[in-house]
């Protein structure tokens, strides 16, 4: 068979690859052999045949992802996919590139450090080219055109804004020009509904055209405005993110400018049809999730995958034991545990103190005060739990120190209840005291 025919029939070797994969899975040969074989096949094949080889890799993803094979061949598979991405055209082979990236996302765990941009390096090679000289014979605000597209340089490399204050000043002045233009030329609801964003999403392009002739039409496109304003929010979110070195942190004046610019951008997003408020809400939600990923990266990308626990089969007729708590129930046990972790809470003077008896009797005195205007059905004596507590707290106080209780209650009643009602209430209290003394004698 000729070499060209051999390359064209690579995918017909699927049975041979299955044999090698089976031997690797059963540990008859070294586990990384299948990964090395796939790498060699992609290196010696054309891009047309590489699509067939990669289709085989996708079909065997579950087997290749097993722990005994994954641990030995993950670096080889990563190198193979990166080599394919370097050979592909980002403009013409978008679908194939997407297939490779989706495969890597499913094949490697989320906490895999090789797929995480730990240092936060930006793709500065993504250069936006636009016209430097005004076109002849066309009436267009070329100064605004240059101002608008020059902002893409700062979006491409946000780190330069914090290092050089002059660049930040230039960025804010150019941004204000664009935001003022957006605000001076608001879009109507008819213009928003005229652009079908769902159909546009089906034919999404990687980048917008930068011709000066299209500037007027692009400003009337709500999707174009939204892309630019979302870029601004992403940039502001990056500049506000903590965890950078001292020289990368923004100054206090810069923080105030970021806050004011961010509020203005959000207002423009909110008034951009269609459904501006819903769109802004979704963007805020996405940025909030992005901040969570940022903190995860900052903490060293700790693995957060949890292996499923095996449930032990319960035998028929077996009794389920109730959980036994150290202090009677779950809440008390948890409270005791917190006290062990924080022993200072046990000696807090605000907590460790004996309350005065007047604190217990104060609600009853307030209920009996006519000037308070509390209806009888809302009195504390109607509450069985409160009345039980008041009753037995009083019994305990009387048994321990009756003269002190008597003098305290007399002073409290006379100072709390109005003078006109004090005598009547006080004699009621004396009668109740004599009744309690008789009860205590029997006790």
Protein backbone atom coordinates (compact mmCIF):
# COMPACT_ATOMS: atom_id res chain seq x y z
CA UNK A 1 0.00 0.00 0.00
CA UNK A 2 1.32 3.43 -0.91
CA UNK A 3 2.04 5.97 1.80
CA UNK A 4 -0.78 8.31 0.67
CA UNK A 5 -3.31 5.49 0.75
CA UNK A 6 -1.99 4.52 4.15
CA UNK A 7 -2.68 8.02 5.52
CA UNK A 8 -6.17 8.09 4.01
CA UNK A 9 -7.06 4.77 5.66
CA UNK A 10 -5.82 5.66 9.15
CA UNK A 11 -9.28 5.42 10.60
CA UNK A 12 -9.59 1.86 9.28
CA UNK A 13 -6.97 0.97 11.88
CA UNK A 14 -9.62 1.36 14.57
CA UNK A 15 -9.61 -2.36 15.28
CA UNK A 16 -5.83 -2.34 15.82
CA UNK A 17 -6.15 0.66 18.15
CA UNK A 18 -8.88 -1.18 20.05
CA UNK A 19 -6.52 -4.13 20.55
CA UNK A 20 -3.80 -1.86 21.94
CA UNK A 21 -6.31 -0.10 24.18
CA UNK A 22 -7.56 -3.44 25.53
CA UNK A 23 -4.01 -4.59 26.30
CA UNK A 24 -3.29 -1.33 28.11
CA UNK A 25 -6.50 -1.57 30.09
CA UNK A 26 -5.72 -5.15 31.21
CA UNK A 27 -2.11 -4.13 32.06
CA UNK A 28 -0.57 -6.55 29.58
CA UNK A 29 1.45 -3.66 28.15
CA UNK A 30 2.51 -0.30 29.53
CA UNK A 31 -0.54 1.95 30.11
CA UNK A 32 0.86 4.95 28.24
CA UNK A 33 1.42 3.05 24.98
CA UNK A 34 -2.00 3.92 23.54
CA UNK A 35 -1.40 7.64 24.15
CA UNK A 36 2.02 7.50 22.53
CA UNK A 37 0.60 5.67 19.53
CA UNK A 38 -2.15 8.27 19.06
CA UNK A 39 0.43 11.09 19.27
CA UNK A 40 2.59 9.46 16.59
CA UNK A 41 -0.43 8.98 14.33
CA UNK A 42 -1.45 12.65 14.56
CA UNK A 43 2.10 13.84 13.88
CA UNK A 44 2.44 11.79 10.68
CA UNK A 45 -1.07 12.44 9.33
CA UNK A 46 -2.64 15.30 7.41
CA UNK A 47 -5.24 17.49 9.05
CA UNK A 48 -7.98 15.66 7.16
CA UNK A 49 -6.91 12.35 8.67
CA UNK A 50 -6.33 13.96 12.07
CA UNK A 51 -10.06 14.67 12.26
CA UNK A 52 -10.73 10.93 11.91
CA UNK A 53 -8.10 10.08 14.52
CA UNK A 54 -9.52 12.63 16.91
CA UNK A 55 -13.00 11.22 16.33
CA UNK A 56 -11.67 7.87 17.57
CA UNK A 57 -10.19 9.61 20.65
CA UNK A 58 -13.56 11.19 21.41
CA UNK A 59 -15.34 7.83 21.12
CA UNK A 60 -12.94 6.24 23.64
CA UNK A 61 -12.94 9.14 26.07
CA UNK A 62 -14.50 7.17 28.94
CA UNK A 63 -11.93 4.39 28.72
CA UNK A 64 -8.96 6.72 28.26
CA UNK A 65 -10.14 8.73 31.28
CA UNK A 66 -9.90 5.79 33.70
CA UNK A 67 -7.50 6.47 36.52
CA UNK A 68 -5.03 3.68 35.69
CA UNK A 69 -4.64 5.00 32.12
CA UNK A 70 -5.17 8.71 32.76
CA UNK A 71 -2.33 8.97 35.27
CA UNK A 72 0.20 7.58 32.76
CA UNK A 73 -0.92 9.37 29.60
CA UNK A 74 -2.49 12.69 30.56
CA UNK A 75 0.62 14.72 29.68
CA UNK A 76 0.97 12.94 26.33
CA UNK A 77 -2.69 13.61 25.52
CA UNK A 78 -2.31 17.26 26.50
CA UNK A 79 0.75 17.59 24.26
CA UNK A 80 -1.09 15.90 21.37
CA UNK A 81 -4.05 18.27 21.61
CA UNK A 82 -1.83 21.35 21.88
CA UNK A 83 0.10 20.29 18.76
CA UNK A 84 -3.17 19.91 16.88
CA UNK A 85 -4.32 23.36 17.99
CA UNK A 86 -1.06 24.91 16.78
CA UNK A 87 -1.48 23.32 13.37
CA UNK A 88 -5.09 24.45 12.94
CA UNK A 89 -6.25 27.81 11.63
CA UNK A 90 -8.21 29.80 14.20
CA UNK A 91 -10.27 31.40 11.45
CA UNK A 92 -10.97 28.42 9.18
CA UNK A 93 -10.97 25.47 11.63
CA UNK A 94 -13.07 26.97 14.40
CA UNK A 95 -15.28 23.88 14.82
CA UNK A 96 -12.36 21.45 15.06
CA UNK A 97 -10.60 23.72 17.57
CA UNK A 98 -13.79 23.81 19.62
CA UNK A 99 -14.00 20.00 19.59
CA UNK A 100 -10.46 19.75 20.95
CA UNK A 101 -11.11 22.28 23.70
CA UNK A 102 -14.35 20.58 24.70
CA UNK A 103 -12.56 17.24 24.85
CA UNK A 104 -9.85 18.68 27.12
CA UNK A 105 -12.50 20.22 29.36
CA UNK A 106 -14.19 16.83 29.82
CA UNK A 107 -11.04 14.72 29.90
CA UNK A 108 -9.19 16.68 32.60
CA UNK A 109 -10.68 17.48 36.03
CA UNK A 110 -11.63 21.05 36.87
CA UNK A 111 -8.76 21.38 39.35
CA UNK A 112 -6.11 20.38 36.78
CA UNK A 113 -3.47 23.12 37.03
CA UNK A 114 -2.27 22.67 33.45
CA UNK A 115 -5.59 24.10 32.20
CA UNK A 116 -5.61 27.09 34.57
CA UNK A 117 -4.05 30.44 33.81
CA UNK A 118 -2.49 30.77 37.27
CA UNK A 119 -0.42 33.89 36.55
CA UNK A 120 -3.25 35.65 34.72
CA UNK A 121 -1.32 36.12 31.47
CA UNK A 122 -3.26 37.99 28.76
CA UNK A 123 -3.29 37.17 25.07
CA UNK A 124 -1.50 40.28 23.86
CA UNK A 125 -1.15 38.82 20.37
CA UNK A 126 -4.87 39.46 19.80
CA UNK A 127 -4.26 42.75 18.05
CA UNK A 128 -7.16 44.78 16.66
CA UNK A 129 -6.13 46.49 13.42
CA UNK A 130 -7.96 49.62 12.33
CA UNK A 131 -7.41 52.50 9.92
CA UNK A 132 -4.85 55.11 10.90
CA UNK A 133 -5.61 57.66 8.14
CA UNK A 134 -9.04 59.10 7.28
CA UNK A 135 -10.61 57.77 4.06
CA UNK A 136 -11.11 60.09 1.10
CA UNK A 137 -14.57 61.11 -0.05
CA UNK A 138 -16.41 59.70 3.00
CA UNK A 139 -17.93 61.87 5.70
CA UNK A 140 -17.19 60.14 8.98
CA UNK A 141 -16.11 61.32 12.40
CA UNK A 142 -12.65 59.85 12.11
CA UNK A 143 -11.49 61.17 15.48
CA UNK A 144 -14.26 59.23 17.23
CA UNK A 145 -13.46 56.19 15.08
CA UNK A 146 -9.80 56.20 16.19
CA UNK A 147 -10.75 56.90 19.80
CA UNK A 148 -13.20 54.00 19.90
CA UNK A 149 -10.95 51.32 18.38
CA UNK A 150 -7.85 52.47 20.28
CA UNK A 151 -9.52 51.31 23.51
CA UNK A 152 -9.07 47.70 22.39
CA UNK A 153 -5.36 48.04 23.10
CA UNK A 154 -6.14 48.58 26.79
CA UNK A 155 -8.69 45.76 26.86
CA UNK A 156 -6.02 43.46 25.44
CA UNK A 157 -3.48 44.30 28.18
CA UNK A 158 -5.17 45.67 31.35
CA UNK A 159 -2.02 45.34 33.47
CA UNK A 160 -0.47 48.36 31.74
CA UNK A 161 -3.19 50.64 33.15
CA UNK A 162 -2.07 50.21 36.76
CA UNK A 163 1.65 50.43 35.99
CA UNK A 164 1.58 53.65 33.95
CA UNK A 165 -0.76 56.41 35.28
CA UNK A 166 -0.53 58.25 31.96
CA UNK A 167 -2.13 55.29 30.16
CA UNK A 168 -4.97 55.23 32.68
CA UNK A 169 -5.65 58.93 32.13
CA UNK A 170 -5.67 58.40 28.37
CA UNK A 171 -7.98 55.41 28.74
CA UNK A 172 -10.50 57.25 30.92
CA UNK A 173 -10.59 60.30 28.64
CA UNK A 174 -11.18 58.13 25.55
CA UNK A 175 -13.77 56.07 27.40
CA UNK A 176 -15.70 59.17 28.43
CA UNK A 177 -15.85 60.25 24.77
CA UNK A 178 -17.39 56.90 23.78
CA UNK A 179 -19.82 56.80 26.71
CA UNK A 180 -20.96 60.37 26.00
CA UNK A 181 -21.64 59.39 22.38
CA UNK A 182 -23.66 56.32 23.49
CA UNK A 183 -25.64 58.50 25.89
CA UNK A 184 -26.25 61.22 23.32
CA UNK A 185 -27.48 58.67 20.75
CA UNK A 186 -29.75 56.28 22.70
CA UNK A 187 -31.35 53.38 20.90
CA UNK A 188 -35.12 53.15 20.68
CA UNK A 189 -37.12 49.99 21.32
CA UNK A 190 -37.85 49.72 17.59
CA UNK A 191 -34.12 49.71 16.80
CA UNK A 192 -33.53 47.11 19.49
CA UNK A 193 -36.21 44.75 18.16
CA UNK A 194 -35.14 45.36 14.55
CA UNK A 195 -31.85 43.56 15.29
CA UNK A 196 -32.72 39.93 15.92
CA UNK A 197 -30.06 38.93 18.43
CA UNK A 198 -31.03 35.25 18.32
CA UNK A 199 -30.36 35.02 14.58
CA UNK A 200 -27.15 36.99 15.06
CA UNK A 201 -25.97 34.49 17.71
CA UNK A 202 -26.35 31.67 15.18
CA UNK A 203 -23.91 33.43 12.80
CA UNK A 204 -21.55 34.82 15.43
CA UNK A 205 -18.22 36.18 14.22
CA UNK A 206 -15.03 36.16 16.25
CA UNK A 207 -14.36 39.89 15.78
CA UNK A 208 -16.26 42.88 14.44
CA UNK A 209 -15.15 44.59 11.28
CA UNK A 210 -13.15 47.77 11.89
CA UNK A 211 -13.83 49.65 8.69
CA UNK A 212 -14.54 53.34 9.21
CA UNK A 213 -17.39 53.07 6.70
CA UNK A 214 -19.29 50.80 9.10
CA UNK A 215 -18.91 52.96 12.19
CA UNK A 216 -22.33 54.61 11.82
CA UNK A 217 -24.14 51.31 11.34
CA UNK A 218 -22.32 49.63 14.22
CA UNK A 219 -23.31 52.36 16.63
CA UNK A 220 -26.97 51.58 15.88
CA UNK A 221 -26.43 47.88 16.62
CA UNK A 222 -27.40 47.02 20.25
CA UNK A 223 -25.25 43.89 20.16
CA UNK A 224 -22.20 45.96 19.19
CA UNK A 225 -22.79 48.37 22.07
CA UNK A 226 -23.29 45.54 24.53
CA UNK A 227 -20.04 43.87 23.54
CA UNK A 228 -18.13 47.05 24.18
CA UNK A 229 -19.82 47.82 27.51
CA UNK A 230 -19.30 44.25 28.75
CA UNK A 231 -15.62 44.60 27.88
CA UNK A 232 -15.53 47.65 30.16
CA UNK A 233 -17.14 45.74 33.04
CA UNK A 234 -14.67 42.88 32.67
CA UNK A 235 -11.78 45.33 32.74
CA UNK A 236 -13.11 47.10 35.85
CA UNK A 237 -13.70 43.78 37.57
CA UNK A 238 -10.08 42.80 36.93
CA UNK A 239 -8.72 46.10 38.23
CA UNK A 240 -10.76 45.79 41.46
CA UNK A 241 -9.73 42.17 42.09
CA UNK A 242 -7.51 41.73 45.18
CA UNK A 243 -4.45 39.51 45.44
CA UNK A 244 -2.10 41.50 43.24
CA UNK A 245 1.22 42.96 44.31
CA UNK A 246 1.36 46.47 45.77
CA UNK A 247 2.54 48.03 42.54
CA UNK A 248 -0.34 46.47 40.61
CA UNK A 249 -3.02 47.69 43.01
CA UNK A 250 -4.97 50.78 41.90
CA UNK A 251 -4.63 54.02 43.84
CA UNK A 252 -7.50 55.52 45.86
CA UNK A 253 -8.26 58.12 43.18
CA UNK A 254 -8.20 55.40 40.56
CA UNK A 255 -10.67 53.32 42.60
CA UNK A 256 -13.09 56.25 42.71
CA UNK A 257 -12.83 56.72 38.94
CA UNK A 258 -13.40 53.00 38.38
CA UNK A 259 -16.52 53.09 40.55
CA UNK A 260 -18.02 56.09 38.74
CA UNK A 261 -17.22 54.64 35.29
CA UNK A 262 -18.69 51.29 36.26
CA UNK A 263 -21.96 52.84 37.42
CA UNK A 264 -22.24 54.78 34.19
CA UNK A 265 -21.56 51.69 32.04
CA UNK A 266 -24.22 49.73 33.93
CA UNK A 267 -26.78 52.49 33.36
CA UNK A 268 -26.06 52.43 29.62
CA UNK A 269 -26.40 48.64 29.57
CA UNK A 270 -29.71 48.92 31.40
CA UNK A 271 -31.21 51.31 28.84
CA UNK A 272 -29.89 49.39 25.79
CA UNK A 273 -32.80 47.47 24.22
CA UNK A 274 -34.02 44.81 24.14
CA UNK A 275 -34.42 43.65 27.80
CA UNK A 276 -31.57 45.76 29.11
CA UNK A 277 -32.27 45.10 32.80
CA UNK A 278 -32.35 41.31 32.31
CA UNK A 279 -29.13 41.44 30.32
CA UNK A 280 -27.38 43.48 33.02
CA UNK A 281 -28.58 41.06 35.72
CA UNK A 282 -27.12 38.12 33.81
CA UNK A 283 -23.80 39.90 33.29
CA UNK A 284 -23.55 40.68 37.01
CA UNK A 285 -24.23 37.04 37.81
CA UNK A 286 -21.50 35.86 35.43
CA UNK A 287 -18.97 38.32 36.86
CA UNK A 288 -19.83 37.16 40.39
CA UNK A 289 -19.07 33.56 39.42
CA UNK A 290 -15.85 34.73 37.79
CA UNK A 291 -14.77 36.29 41.09
CA UNK A 292 -15.29 32.93 42.77
CA UNK A 293 -12.94 31.32 40.20
CA UNK A 294 -10.43 34.07 40.84
CA UNK A 295 -10.38 33.33 44.57
CA UNK A 296 -10.04 29.63 43.81
CA UNK A 297 -6.99 30.29 41.62
CA UNK A 298 -5.52 32.60 44.23
CA UNK A 299 -5.78 29.84 46.87
CA UNK A 300 -3.74 27.45 44.71
CA UNK A 301 -6.50 25.62 42.80
CA UNK A 302 -7.44 23.24 45.56
CA UNK A 303 -9.21 20.12 44.28
CA UNK A 304 -12.90 20.28 45.10
CA UNK A 305 -14.14 17.10 43.41
CA UNK A 306 -15.66 14.70 45.92
CA UNK A 307 -15.75 11.00 45.25
CA UNK A 308 -19.23 9.49 45.60
CA UNK A 309 -19.67 7.60 48.86
CA UNK A 310 -20.87 4.02 48.66
CA UNK A 311 -24.12 3.50 50.49
CA UNK A 312 -24.11 0.36 52.62
CA UNK A 313 -27.15 -1.83 51.92
CA UNK A 314 -29.54 -1.92 54.87
CA UNK A 315 -30.64 -5.40 55.83
CA UNK A 316 -34.35 -6.11 55.89
CA UNK A 317 -35.79 -5.83 59.36
CA UNK A 318 -32.73 -4.06 60.76
CA UNK A 319 -33.49 -1.26 63.15
CA UNK A 320 -32.22 2.18 62.39
CA UNK A 321 -30.41 3.58 65.38
CA UNK A 322 -31.26 7.08 66.40
CA UNK A 323 -28.33 9.47 66.45
CA UNK A 324 -27.18 10.04 70.01
CA UNK A 325 -26.15 13.54 70.90
CA UNK A 326 -23.82 14.46 73.71
CA UNK A 327 -26.14 17.09 75.17
CA UNK A 328 -29.58 15.81 74.24
CA UNK A 329 -30.05 17.22 70.73
CA UNK A 330 -28.10 18.38 67.72
CA UNK A 331 -28.38 22.13 68.46
CA UNK A 332 -27.04 21.88 72.02
CA UNK A 333 -24.21 19.62 70.92
CA UNK A 334 -23.24 22.09 68.18
CA UNK A 335 -23.38 24.97 70.66
CA UNK A 336 -21.08 23.07 73.03
CA UNK A 337 -18.70 22.37 70.18
CA UNK A 338 -18.53 26.06 69.29
CA UNK A 339 -17.77 26.83 72.95
CA UNK A 340 -14.83 24.40 72.85
CA UNK A 341 -13.47 26.14 69.78
CA UNK A 342 -13.98 29.58 71.31
CA UNK A 343 -13.40 29.30 75.09
CA UNK A 344 -13.39 33.09 75.55
CA UNK A 345 -17.12 33.08 74.86
CA UNK A 346 -17.70 31.22 78.15
CA UNK A 347 -16.16 34.02 80.24
CA UNK A 348 -17.70 36.91 78.38
CA UNK A 349 -18.99 39.38 81.04
CA UNK A 350 -22.01 40.13 78.85
CA UNK A 351 -23.07 36.48 79.08
CA UNK A 352 -21.81 35.28 82.49
CA UNK A 353 -23.97 37.33 84.86
CA UNK A 354 -26.95 36.83 87.14
CA UNK A 355 -29.95 38.83 85.93
CA UNK A 356 -31.86 40.92 88.45
CA UNK A 357 -35.28 39.75 89.51
CA UNK A 358 -36.74 43.01 88.21
CA UNK A 359 -35.91 41.92 84.69
CA UNK A 360 -38.28 38.95 85.06
CA UNK A 361 -41.13 40.91 86.64
CA UNK A 362 -40.84 43.99 84.43
CA UNK A 363 -43.19 42.64 81.65
CA UNK A 364 -45.92 41.89 84.22
CA UNK A 365 -45.68 45.36 85.73
CA UNK A 366 -45.88 46.95 82.27
CA UNK A 367 -48.97 44.88 81.45
CA UNK A 368 -50.78 46.15 84.56
CA UNK A 369 -49.94 49.77 83.89
CA UNK A 370 -53.14 51.41 82.48
CA UNK A 371 -51.18 54.12 80.72
CA UNK A 372 -49.43 51.46 78.59
CA UNK A 373 -52.77 50.60 76.97
CA UNK A 374 -51.99 46.86 76.65
CA UNK A 375 -55.13 44.80 76.16
CA UNK A 376 -55.78 41.95 78.59
CA UNK A 377 -55.54 39.24 75.93
CA UNK A 378 -51.94 40.26 75.19
CA UNK A 379 -50.74 40.16 78.82
CA UNK A 380 -47.80 37.92 79.64
CA UNK A 381 -49.80 36.05 82.24
CA UNK A 382 -51.79 34.46 79.38
CA UNK A 383 -48.62 32.89 78.01
CA UNK A 384 -48.31 29.51 79.73
CA UNK A 385 -44.58 29.28 79.21
CA UNK A 386 -43.86 32.81 80.46
CA UNK A 387 -46.21 32.47 83.44
CA UNK A 388 -44.64 29.14 84.41
CA UNK A 389 -41.20 30.76 84.27
CA UNK A 390 -42.28 33.81 86.30
CA UNK A 391 -43.99 31.62 88.89
CA UNK A 392 -41.11 29.28 89.58
CA UNK A 393 -38.47 32.00 89.40
CA UNK A 394 -40.43 33.76 92.11
CA UNK A 395 -40.64 30.57 94.23
CA UNK A 396 -36.90 30.15 93.95
CA UNK A 397 -36.24 33.77 94.90
CA UNK A 398 -38.62 33.66 97.90
CA UNK A 399 -37.05 30.49 99.28
CA UNK A 400 -33.52 31.87 99.05
CA UNK A 401 -33.96 35.45 100.26
CA UNK A 402 -37.51 36.57 100.95
CA UNK A 403 -36.73 39.97 102.56
CA UNK A 404 -34.58 40.97 99.61
CA UNK A 405 -37.31 39.98 97.16
CA UNK A 406 -39.94 41.86 99.14
CA UNK A 407 -37.95 45.09 99.34
CA UNK A 408 -36.92 44.88 95.69
CA UNK A 409 -40.45 44.31 94.42
CA UNK A 410 -41.84 47.09 96.63
CA UNK A 411 -39.28 49.60 95.31
CA UNK A 412 -39.75 48.48 91.71
CA UNK A 413 -43.54 48.66 91.81
CA UNK A 414 -43.63 52.08 93.45
CA UNK A 415 -41.11 53.47 90.95
CA UNK A 416 -42.71 51.90 87.88
CA UNK A 417 -46.50 52.03 88.35
CA UNK A 418 -48.15 55.48 88.46
CA UNK A 419 -48.79 56.83 91.97
CA UNK A 420 -52.56 56.61 91.70
CA UNK A 421 -52.43 52.86 91.05
CA UNK A 422 -49.39 52.03 93.17
CA UNK A 423 -51.20 51.46 96.45
CA UNK A 424 -53.86 49.16 94.96
CA UNK A 425 -51.29 47.14 93.06
CA UNK A 426 -49.00 46.96 96.10
CA UNK A 427 -51.74 45.59 98.39
CA UNK A 428 -52.64 43.00 95.77
CA UNK A 429 -49.02 41.98 95.88
CA UNK A 430 -49.12 41.68 99.75
CA UNK A 431 -52.17 39.41 99.53
CA UNK A 432 -50.43 37.23 96.96
CA UNK A 433 -47.32 37.12 99.21
CA UNK A 434 -49.34 35.83 102.20
CA UNK A 435 -50.86 33.19 99.95
CA UNK A 436 -47.42 32.06 98.87
CA UNK A 437 -46.22 31.89 102.51
CA UNK A 438 -49.02 29.47 103.35
CA UNK A 439 -48.10 27.34 100.36
CA UNK A 440 -44.46 27.31 101.42
CA UNK A 441 -45.36 26.17 104.97
CA UNK A 442 -47.11 23.14 103.50
CA UNK A 443 -44.16 22.56 101.20
